[in-house]
Amino acid sequence: MFLKKRRYSIKGAMLAKRITQKKLAQKLGFSFAYISRLINGTRYNRTFEQYIASELNIDYRRFH
């Protein structure tokens, strides 16, 4: 349930800010496939987590 909410929150915020996964991958220097894994929660990366917290305003405390 948490990962599903996480994925929808990230994708919704990206859509609202008109950021594609491809643009995000280029900005952070990651591959498209790795960004997909990060969004789906199968991988973790501190840089990505900091980006979604600061740029996309994603707060995981609201998922509990």
PDB file of N, CA and C in Angstrom:
ATOM      1  N   MET A   1       0.818  -1.186   0.000  1.00  0.00           N
ATOM      2  CA  MET A   1       0.000   0.000   0.000  1.00  0.00           C
ATOM      3  C   MET A   1       0.868   1.257   0.000  1.00  0.00           C
ATOM      4  N   PHE A   2       1.907   1.266   0.824  1.00  0.00           N
ATOM      5  CA  PHE A   2       2.794   2.427   0.907  1.00  0.00           C
ATOM      6  C   PHE A   2       3.448   2.707  -0.437  1.00  0.00           C
ATOM      7  N   LEU A   3       3.977   1.648  -1.091  1.00  0.00           N
ATOM      8  CA  LEU A   3       4.670   1.852  -2.363  1.00  0.00           C
ATOM      9  C   LEU A   3       3.717   2.344  -3.449  1.00  0.00           C
ATOM     10  N   LYS A   4       2.481   1.887  -3.403  1.00  0.00           N
ATOM     11  CA  LYS A   4       1.498   2.336  -4.380  1.00  0.00           C
ATOM     12  C   LYS A   4       1.195   3.824  -4.195  1.00  0.00           C
ATOM     13  N   LYS A   5       1.012   4.249  -2.957  1.00  0.00           N
ATOM     14  CA  LYS A   5       0.757   5.660  -2.663  1.00  0.00           C
ATOM     15  C   LYS A   5       1.970   6.501  -3.047  1.00  0.00           C
ATOM     16  N   ARG A   6       3.142   5.970  -2.756  1.00  0.00           N
ATOM     17  CA  ARG A   6       4.391   6.664  -3.097  1.00  0.00           C
ATOM     18  C   ARG A   6       4.476   6.885  -4.603  1.00  0.00           C
ATOM     19  N   ARG A   7       4.258   5.813  -5.364  1.00  0.00           N
ATOM     20  CA  ARG A   7       4.340   5.889  -6.821  1.00  0.00           C
ATOM     21  C   ARG A   7       3.345   6.904  -7.384  1.00  0.00           C
ATOM     22  N   TYR A   8       2.100   6.839  -6.932  1.00  0.00           N
ATOM     23  CA  TYR A   8       1.077   7.768  -7.433  1.00  0.00           C
ATOM     24  C   TYR A   8       1.383   9.208  -7.034  1.00  0.00           C
ATOM     25  N   SER A   9       1.919   9.419  -5.858  1.00  0.00           N
ATOM     26  CA  SER A   9       2.272  10.772  -5.424  1.00  0.00           C
ATOM     27  C   SER A   9       3.398  11.348  -6.266  1.00  0.00           C
ATOM     28  N   ILE A  10       4.420  10.558  -6.510  1.00  0.00           N
ATOM     29  CA  ILE A  10       5.551  11.017  -7.311  1.00  0.00           C
ATOM     30  C   ILE A  10       5.112  11.292  -8.742  1.00  0.00           C
ATOM     31  N   LYS A  11       4.385  10.355  -9.323  1.00  0.00           N
ATOM     32  CA  LYS A  11       3.944  10.539 -10.712  1.00  0.00           C
ATOM     33  C   LYS A  11       2.991  11.725 -10.838  1.00  0.00           C
ATOM     34  N   GLY A  12       2.113  11.910  -9.871  1.00  0.00           N
ATOM     35  CA  GLY A  12       1.199  13.044  -9.899  1.00  0.00           C
ATOM     36  C   GLY A  12       1.924  14.371  -9.796  1.00  0.00           C
ATOM     37  N   ALA A  13       2.922  14.431  -8.918  1.00  0.00           N
ATOM     38  CA  ALA A  13       3.703  15.654  -8.755  1.00  0.00           C
ATOM     39  C   ALA A  13       4.528  15.935 -10.008  1.00  0.00           C
ATOM     40  N   MET A  14       5.060  14.890 -10.612  1.00  0.00           N
ATOM     41  CA  MET A  14       5.826  15.069 -11.846  1.00  0.00           C
ATOM     42  C   MET A  14       4.918  15.581 -12.963  1.00  0.00           C
ATOM     43  N   LEU A  15       3.731  15.032 -13.046  1.00  0.00           N
ATOM     44  CA  LEU A  15       2.773  15.470 -14.061  1.00  0.00           C
ATOM     45  C   LEU A  15       2.396  16.931 -13.860  1.00  0.00           C
ATOM     46  N   ALA A  16       2.132  17.304 -12.618  1.00  0.00           N
ATOM     47  CA  ALA A  16       1.754  18.683 -12.303  1.00  0.00           C
ATOM     48  C   ALA A  16       2.864  19.669 -12.668  1.00  0.00           C
ATOM     49  N   LYS A  17       4.107  19.252 -12.487  1.00  0.00           N
ATOM     50  CA  LYS A  17       5.243  20.132 -12.801  1.00  0.00           C
ATOM     51  C   LYS A  17       5.790  19.909 -14.206  1.00  0.00           C
ATOM     52  N   ARG A  18       5.110  19.047 -14.954  1.00  0.00           N
ATOM     53  CA  ARG A  18       5.492  18.739 -16.343  1.00  0.00           C
ATOM     54  C   ARG A  18       6.923  18.245 -16.463  1.00  0.00           C
ATOM     55  N   ILE A  19       7.264  17.320 -15.570  1.00  0.00           N
ATOM     56  CA  ILE A  19       8.586  16.697 -15.588  1.00  0.00           C
ATOM     57  C   ILE A  19       8.401  15.242 -16.010  1.00  0.00           C
ATOM     58  N   THR A  20       9.038  14.852 -17.101  1.00  0.00           N
ATOM     59  CA  THR A  20       8.962  13.462 -17.540  1.00  0.00           C
ATOM     60  C   THR A  20      10.049  12.647 -16.854  1.00  0.00           C
ATOM     61  N   GLN A  21       9.895  11.329 -16.896  1.00  0.00           N
ATOM     62  CA  GLN A  21      10.923  10.474 -16.331  1.00  0.00           C
ATOM     63  C   GLN A  21      12.242  10.674 -17.077  1.00  0.00           C
ATOM     64  N   LYS A  22      12.153  10.893 -18.370  1.00  0.00           N
ATOM     65  CA  LYS A  22      13.359  11.108 -19.175  1.00  0.00           C
ATOM     66  C   LYS A  22      14.081  12.375 -18.734  1.00  0.00           C
ATOM     67  N   LYS A  23      13.332  13.464 -18.539  1.00  0.00           N
ATOM     68  CA  LYS A  23      13.937  14.720 -18.087  1.00  0.00           C
ATOM     69  C   LYS A  23      14.533  14.561 -16.691  1.00  0.00           C
ATOM     70  N   LEU A  24      13.822  13.849 -15.832  1.00  0.00           N
ATOM     71  CA  LEU A  24      14.311  13.623 -14.475  1.00  0.00           C
ATOM     72  C   LEU A  24      15.601  12.801 -14.500  1.00  0.00           C
ATOM     73  N   ALA A  25      15.638  11.780 -15.342  1.00  0.00           N
ATOM     74  CA  ALA A  25      16.845  10.955 -15.467  1.00  0.00           C
ATOM     75  C   ALA A  25      18.024  11.803 -15.926  1.00  0.00           C
ATOM     76  N   GLN A  26      17.790  12.661 -16.908  1.00  0.00           N
ATOM     77  CA  GLN A  26      18.871  13.520 -17.406  1.00  0.00           C
ATOM     78  C   GLN A  26      19.326  14.496 -16.327  1.00  0.00           C
ATOM     79  N   LYS A  27      18.373  15.081 -15.619  1.00  0.00           N
ATOM     80  CA  LYS A  27      18.707  16.067 -14.584  1.00  0.00           C
ATOM     81  C   LYS A  27      19.550  15.454 -13.467  1.00  0.00           C
ATOM     82  N   LEU A  28      19.175  14.235 -13.051  1.00  0.00           N
ATOM     83  CA  LEU A  28      19.877  13.595 -11.941  1.00  0.00           C
ATOM     84  C   LEU A  28      21.056  12.739 -12.392  1.00  0.00           C
ATOM     85  N   GLY A  29      21.195  12.530 -13.701  1.00  0.00           N
ATOM     86  CA  GLY A  29      22.304  11.732 -14.212  1.00  0.00           C
ATOM     87  C   GLY A  29      22.098  10.235 -14.048  1.00  0.00           C
ATOM     88  N   PHE A  30      20.850   9.798 -14.036  1.00  0.00           N
ATOM     89  CA  PHE A  30      20.511   8.381 -13.903  1.00  0.00           C
ATOM     90  C   PHE A  30      19.908   7.882 -15.208  1.00  0.00           C
ATOM     91  N   SER A  31      19.854   6.565 -15.372  1.00  0.00           N
ATOM     92  CA  SER A  31      19.195   6.003 -16.546  1.00  0.00           C
ATOM     93  C   SER A  31      17.679   6.043 -16.345  1.00  0.00           C
ATOM     94  N   PHE A  32      16.956   5.980 -17.453  1.00  0.00           N
ATOM     95  CA  PHE A  32      15.501   5.964 -17.418  1.00  0.00           C
ATOM     96  C   PHE A  32      15.007   4.768 -16.595  1.00  0.00           C
ATOM     97  N   ALA A  33      15.633   3.603 -16.802  1.00  0.00           N
ATOM     98  CA  ALA A  33      15.230   2.391 -16.079  1.00  0.00           C
ATOM     99  C   ALA A  33      15.444   2.545 -14.574  1.00  0.00           C
ATOM    100  N   TYR A  34      16.538   3.176 -14.183  1.00  0.00           N
ATOM    101  CA  TYR A  34      16.822   3.369 -12.761  1.00  0.00           C
ATOM    102  C   TYR A  34      15.803   4.331 -12.131  1.00  0.00           C
ATOM    103  N   ILE A  35      15.437   5.386 -12.857  1.00  0.00           N
ATOM    104  CA  ILE A  35      14.412   6.311 -12.364  1.00  0.00           C
ATOM    105  C   ILE A  35      13.106   5.559 -12.154  1.00  0.00           C
ATOM    106  N   SER A  36      12.762   4.677 -13.068  1.00  0.00           N
ATOM    107  CA  SER A  36      11.545   3.878 -12.941  1.00  0.00           C
ATOM    108  C   SER A  36      11.574   3.038 -11.668  1.00  0.00           C
ATOM    109  N   ARG A  37      12.709   2.427 -11.397  1.00  0.00           N
ATOM    110  CA  ARG A  37      12.854   1.608 -10.179  1.00  0.00           C
ATOM    111  C   ARG A  37      12.763   2.472  -8.915  1.00  0.00           C
ATOM    112  N   LEU A  38      13.321   3.668  -8.978  1.00  0.00           N
ATOM    113  CA  LEU A  38      13.251   4.579  -7.832  1.00  0.00           C
ATOM    114  C   LEU A  38      11.810   5.012  -7.574  1.00  0.00           C
ATOM    115  N   ILE A  39      11.093   5.337  -8.634  1.00  0.00           N
ATOM    116  CA  ILE A  39       9.696   5.757  -8.488  1.00  0.00           C
ATOM    117  C   ILE A  39       8.849   4.617  -7.934  1.00  0.00           C
ATOM    118  N   ASN A  40       9.097   3.405  -8.412  1.00  0.00           N
ATOM    119  CA  ASN A  40       8.326   2.247  -7.962  1.00  0.00           C
ATOM    120  C   ASN A  40       8.737   1.747  -6.588  1.00  0.00           C
ATOM    121  N   GLY A  41       9.856   2.251  -6.083  1.00  0.00           N
ATOM    122  CA  GLY A  41      10.287   1.879  -4.739  1.00  0.00           C
ATOM    123  C   GLY A  41      11.099   0.609  -4.655  1.00  0.00           C
ATOM    124  N   THR A  42      11.550   0.084  -5.788  1.00  0.00           N
ATOM    125  CA  THR A  42      12.366  -1.130  -5.746  1.00  0.00           C
ATOM    126  C   THR A  42      13.846  -0.822  -5.551  1.00  0.00           C
ATOM    127  N   ARG A  43      14.208   0.449  -5.683  1.00  0.00           N
ATOM    128  CA  ARG A  43      15.569   0.913  -5.422  1.00  0.00           C
ATOM    129  C   ARG A  43      15.498   2.171  -4.572  1.00  0.00           C
ATOM    130  N   TYR A  44      16.617   2.469  -3.904  1.00  0.00           N
ATOM    131  CA  TYR A  44      16.701   3.673  -3.071  1.00  0.00           C
ATOM    132  C   TYR A  44      17.941   4.456  -3.471  1.00  0.00           C
ATOM    133  N   ASN A  45      17.790   5.773  -3.515  1.00  0.00           N
ATOM    134  CA  ASN A  45      18.915   6.658  -3.786  1.00  0.00           C
ATOM    135  C   ASN A  45      18.670   7.964  -3.045  1.00  0.00           C
ATOM    136  N   ARG A  46      19.611   8.368  -2.240  1.00  0.00           N
ATOM    137  CA  ARG A  46      19.447   9.570  -1.416  1.00  0.00           C
ATOM    138  C   ARG A  46      19.234  10.828  -2.263  1.00  0.00           C
ATOM    139  N   THR A  47      19.974  10.953  -3.353  1.00  0.00           N
ATOM    140  CA  THR A  47      19.821  12.125  -4.224  1.00  0.00           C
ATOM    141  C   THR A  47      18.396  12.223  -4.754  1.00  0.00           C
ATOM    142  N   PHE A  48      17.846  11.087  -5.182  1.00  0.00           N
ATOM    143  CA  PHE A  48      16.477  11.055  -5.685  1.00  0.00           C
ATOM    144  C   PHE A  48      15.491  11.432  -4.584  1.00  0.00           C
ATOM    145  N   GLU A  49      15.680  10.876  -3.406  1.00  0.00           N
ATOM    146  CA  GLU A  49      14.779  11.168  -2.278  1.00  0.00           C
ATOM    147  C   GLU A  49      14.827  12.652  -1.910  1.00  0.00           C
ATOM    148  N   GLN A  50      16.006  13.231  -1.931  1.00  0.00           N
ATOM    149  CA  GLN A  50      16.133  14.660  -1.643  1.00  0.00           C
ATOM    150  C   GLN A  50      15.462  15.496  -2.725  1.00  0.00           C
ATOM    151  N   TYR A  51      15.577  15.064  -3.966  1.00  0.00           N
ATOM    152  CA  TYR A  51      14.953  15.784  -5.072  1.00  0.00           C
ATOM    153  C   TYR A  51      13.434  15.777  -4.926  1.00  0.00           C
ATOM    154  N   ILE A  52      12.845  14.599  -4.677  1.00  0.00           N
ATOM    155  CA  ILE A  52      11.387  14.560  -4.595  1.00  0.00           C
ATOM    156  C   ILE A  52      10.875  15.292  -3.360  1.00  0.00           C
ATOM    157  N   ALA A  53      11.675  15.333  -2.315  1.00  0.00           N
ATOM    158  CA  ALA A  53      11.262  16.084  -1.126  1.00  0.00           C
ATOM    159  C   ALA A  53      11.311  17.584  -1.374  1.00  0.00           C
ATOM    160  N   SER A  54      12.380  18.047  -2.010  1.00  0.00           N
ATOM    161  CA  SER A  54      12.538  19.495  -2.186  1.00  0.00           C
ATOM    162  C   SER A  54      11.830  20.036  -3.422  1.00  0.00           C
ATOM    163  N   GLU A  55      11.948  19.362  -4.554  1.00  0.00           N
ATOM    164  CA  GLU A  55      11.384  19.871  -5.807  1.00  0.00           C
ATOM    165  C   GLU A  55       9.921  19.484  -6.018  1.00  0.00           C
ATOM    166  N   LEU A  56       9.552  18.286  -5.576  1.00  0.00           N
ATOM    167  CA  LEU A  56       8.182  17.819  -5.794  1.00  0.00           C
ATOM    168  C   LEU A  56       7.315  17.918  -4.540  1.00  0.00           C
ATOM    169  N   ASN A  57       7.920  18.309  -3.432  1.00  0.00           N
ATOM    170  CA  ASN A  57       7.204  18.469  -2.156  1.00  0.00           C
ATOM    171  C   ASN A  57       6.470  17.207  -1.721  1.00  0.00           C
ATOM    172  N   ILE A  58       7.143  16.064  -1.807  1.00  0.00           N
ATOM    173  CA  ILE A  58       6.578  14.796  -1.379  1.00  0.00           C
ATOM    174  C   ILE A  58       6.983  14.563   0.072  1.00  0.00           C
ATOM    175  N   ASP A  59       6.001  14.399   0.942  1.00  0.00           N
ATOM    176  CA  ASP A  59       6.235  14.156   2.367  1.00  0.00           C
ATOM    177  C   ASP A  59       5.672  12.781   2.709  1.00  0.00           C
ATOM    178  N   TYR A  60       6.555  11.832   3.015  1.00  0.00           N
ATOM    179  CA  TYR A  60       6.114  10.458   3.273  1.00  0.00           C
ATOM    180  C   TYR A  60       5.357  10.295   4.581  1.00  0.00           C
ATOM    181  N   ARG A  61       5.465  11.260   5.473  1.00  0.00           N
ATOM    182  CA  ARG A  61       4.761  11.144   6.757  1.00  0.00           C
ATOM    183  C   ARG A  61       3.241  11.108   6.568  1.00  0.00           C
ATOM    184  N   ARG A  62       2.746  11.661   5.480  1.00  0.00           N
ATOM    185  CA  ARG A  62       1.301  11.685   5.256  1.00  0.00           C
ATOM    186  C   ARG A  62       0.760  10.341   4.765  1.00  0.00           C
ATOM    187  N   PHE A  63       1.631   9.396   4.433  1.00  0.00           N
ATOM    188  CA  PHE A  63       1.186   8.091   3.960  1.00  0.00           C
ATOM    189  C   PHE A  63       0.834   7.134   5.083  1.00  0.00           C
ATOM    190  N   HIS A  64       1.204   7.448   6.294  1.00  0.00           N
ATOM    191  CA  HIS A  64       0.985   6.522   7.418  1.00  0.00           C
ATOM    192  C   HIS A  64      -0.400   6.682   7.997  1.00  0.00           C
TER     193      HIS A  64
END
